[in-house]
């Protein structure tokens, strides 16, 4: 895992993938940068590049619940696979994930599709 700058985050559609316990994140040794965005207000962000791809770790000021949000670029990969890949890449157990995005695939055109059932 390598920390990169905010400028490395691509423009386009991204979404909250998961929330991990705050006490899992200090092990990563990341520096969070203050950032303010329309609709999100003030938050602190660290961008990491892993073998599983690029992820943004976000902590909101005054967030309704504790935890560090894990964001990813919408690239068509199923959310469950992306969460598992993130956890493997940063060396945390999936039990440290306190919230998961719904089990759907978000494509880069913004459309969401649910996996086939059965």
Protein backbone atom coordinates (compact mmCIF):
# COMPACT_ATOMS: atom_id res chain seq x y z
CA UNK A 1 0.00 0.00 0.00
CA UNK A 2 1.26 3.45 -0.92
CA UNK A 3 -0.23 6.78 0.06
CA UNK A 4 -0.63 9.20 -2.84
CA UNK A 5 -1.83 12.80 -3.05
CA UNK A 6 -5.39 14.05 -3.44
CA UNK A 7 -4.58 15.02 -7.03
CA UNK A 8 -4.20 11.31 -7.86
CA UNK A 9 -7.92 10.69 -7.25
CA UNK A 10 -9.58 10.58 -10.69
CA UNK A 11 -12.44 12.87 -11.64
CA UNK A 12 -15.71 11.07 -12.16
CA UNK A 13 -18.08 8.82 -10.32
CA UNK A 14 -17.04 7.39 -6.99
CA UNK A 15 -18.99 5.92 -4.11
CA UNK A 16 -18.76 4.87 -0.48
CA UNK A 17 -17.79 1.22 -0.44
CA UNK A 18 -17.54 0.52 3.28
CA UNK A 19 -16.82 1.91 6.72
CA UNK A 20 -14.01 0.48 8.83
CA UNK A 21 -13.44 0.93 12.53
CA UNK A 22 -11.34 4.01 13.28
CA UNK A 23 -8.95 2.00 15.44
CA UNK A 24 -8.01 -0.15 12.41
CA UNK A 25 -6.80 2.86 10.40
CA UNK A 26 -3.91 4.15 12.62
CA UNK A 27 -2.01 0.97 11.81
CA UNK A 28 -1.75 2.22 8.24
CA UNK A 29 0.37 5.25 9.24
CA UNK A 30 -1.52 7.61 6.91
CA UNK A 31 -1.61 11.41 6.82
CA UNK A 32 -5.14 12.75 6.38
CA UNK A 33 -5.52 16.06 4.51
CA UNK A 34 -8.35 18.52 5.17
CA UNK A 35 -10.74 18.81 2.26
CA UNK A 36 -14.08 20.54 1.73
CA UNK A 37 -16.52 19.50 -0.96
CA UNK A 38 -20.03 20.58 -1.84
CA UNK A 39 -22.50 18.32 -0.10
CA UNK A 40 -19.84 16.67 2.08
CA UNK A 41 -18.64 19.62 4.13
CA UNK A 42 -15.29 19.47 5.90
CA UNK A 43 -13.66 16.07 6.02
CA UNK A 44 -10.20 14.56 6.10
CA UNK A 45 -8.98 12.34 3.28
CA UNK A 46 -6.09 9.98 2.60
CA UNK A 47 -5.72 8.38 -0.84
CA UNK A 48 -4.03 4.99 -1.05
CA UNK A 49 -2.94 2.91 -4.00
CA UNK A 50 -3.02 -0.83 -3.41
CA UNK A 51 -2.74 -3.91 -5.60
CA UNK A 52 -6.54 -3.88 -5.54
CA UNK A 53 -6.78 -0.32 -6.89
CA UNK A 54 -7.14 3.23 -5.64
CA UNK A 55 -9.14 3.95 -2.47
CA UNK A 56 -10.01 7.15 -0.60
CA UNK A 57 -10.27 6.97 3.17
CA UNK A 58 -12.53 9.74 4.49
CA UNK A 59 -13.37 10.97 7.96
CA UNK A 60 -16.16 13.50 8.20
CA UNK A 61 -16.27 16.26 10.79
CA UNK A 62 -19.39 15.67 12.85
CA UNK A 63 -20.13 12.33 11.17
CA UNK A 64 -23.24 10.66 12.60
CA UNK A 65 -21.31 7.47 13.46
CA UNK A 66 -17.67 6.66 14.15
CA UNK A 67 -15.59 5.05 11.45
CA UNK A 68 -13.50 5.77 8.40
CA UNK A 69 -15.30 5.63 5.09
CA UNK A 70 -13.63 3.72 2.26
CA UNK A 71 -14.48 5.14 -1.17
CA UNK A 72 -13.62 3.69 -4.55
CA UNK A 73 -14.02 4.58 -8.19
CA UNK A 74 -17.09 3.09 -9.83
CA UNK A 75 -15.52 0.68 -12.30
CA UNK A 76 -18.06 -2.11 -12.58
CA UNK A 77 -16.59 -4.43 -9.94
CA UNK A 78 -19.07 -5.99 -7.49
CA UNK A 79 -18.98 -4.25 -4.11
CA UNK A 80 -18.41 -7.44 -2.08
CA UNK A 81 -15.33 -8.26 -4.17
CA UNK A 82 -13.99 -4.71 -3.81
CA UNK A 83 -14.42 -4.80 -0.01
CA UNK A 84 -12.63 -8.15 0.24
CA UNK A 85 -9.83 -6.91 -2.04
CA UNK A 86 -9.41 -3.72 0.03
CA UNK A 87 -9.20 -5.68 3.28
CA UNK A 88 -6.62 -8.08 1.84
CA UNK A 89 -4.58 -5.23 0.36
CA UNK A 90 -4.35 -3.27 3.63
CA UNK A 91 -4.11 -6.29 5.90
CA UNK A 92 -7.29 -6.01 7.94
CA UNK A 93 -9.91 -8.62 8.70
CA UNK A 94 -13.36 -8.10 7.24
CA UNK A 95 -14.70 -8.11 10.81
CA UNK A 96 -13.30 -4.55 11.07
CA UNK A 97 -15.80 -3.42 8.43
CA UNK A 98 -18.79 -1.91 10.25
CA UNK A 99 -20.90 -1.02 7.18
CA UNK A 100 -20.93 -2.30 3.60
CA UNK A 101 -22.43 -0.78 0.48
CA UNK A 102 -25.41 -2.71 -0.91
CA UNK A 103 -24.49 -5.77 -2.95
CA UNK A 104 -24.66 -4.23 -6.36
CA UNK A 105 -22.24 -3.31 -9.06
CA UNK A 106 -21.83 0.38 -9.84
CA UNK A 107 -20.74 1.03 -13.39
CA UNK A 108 -18.73 4.06 -14.43
CA UNK A 109 -21.81 5.52 -16.17
CA UNK A 110 -23.54 5.80 -12.79
CA UNK A 111 -26.01 2.97 -13.30
CA UNK A 112 -26.34 0.32 -10.63
CA UNK A 113 -27.20 -3.30 -11.29
CA UNK A 114 -28.05 -5.96 -8.77
CA UNK A 115 -26.40 -9.36 -9.14
CA UNK A 116 -28.52 -12.11 -10.65
CA UNK A 117 -30.31 -14.16 -8.03
CA UNK A 118 -30.41 -17.90 -7.97
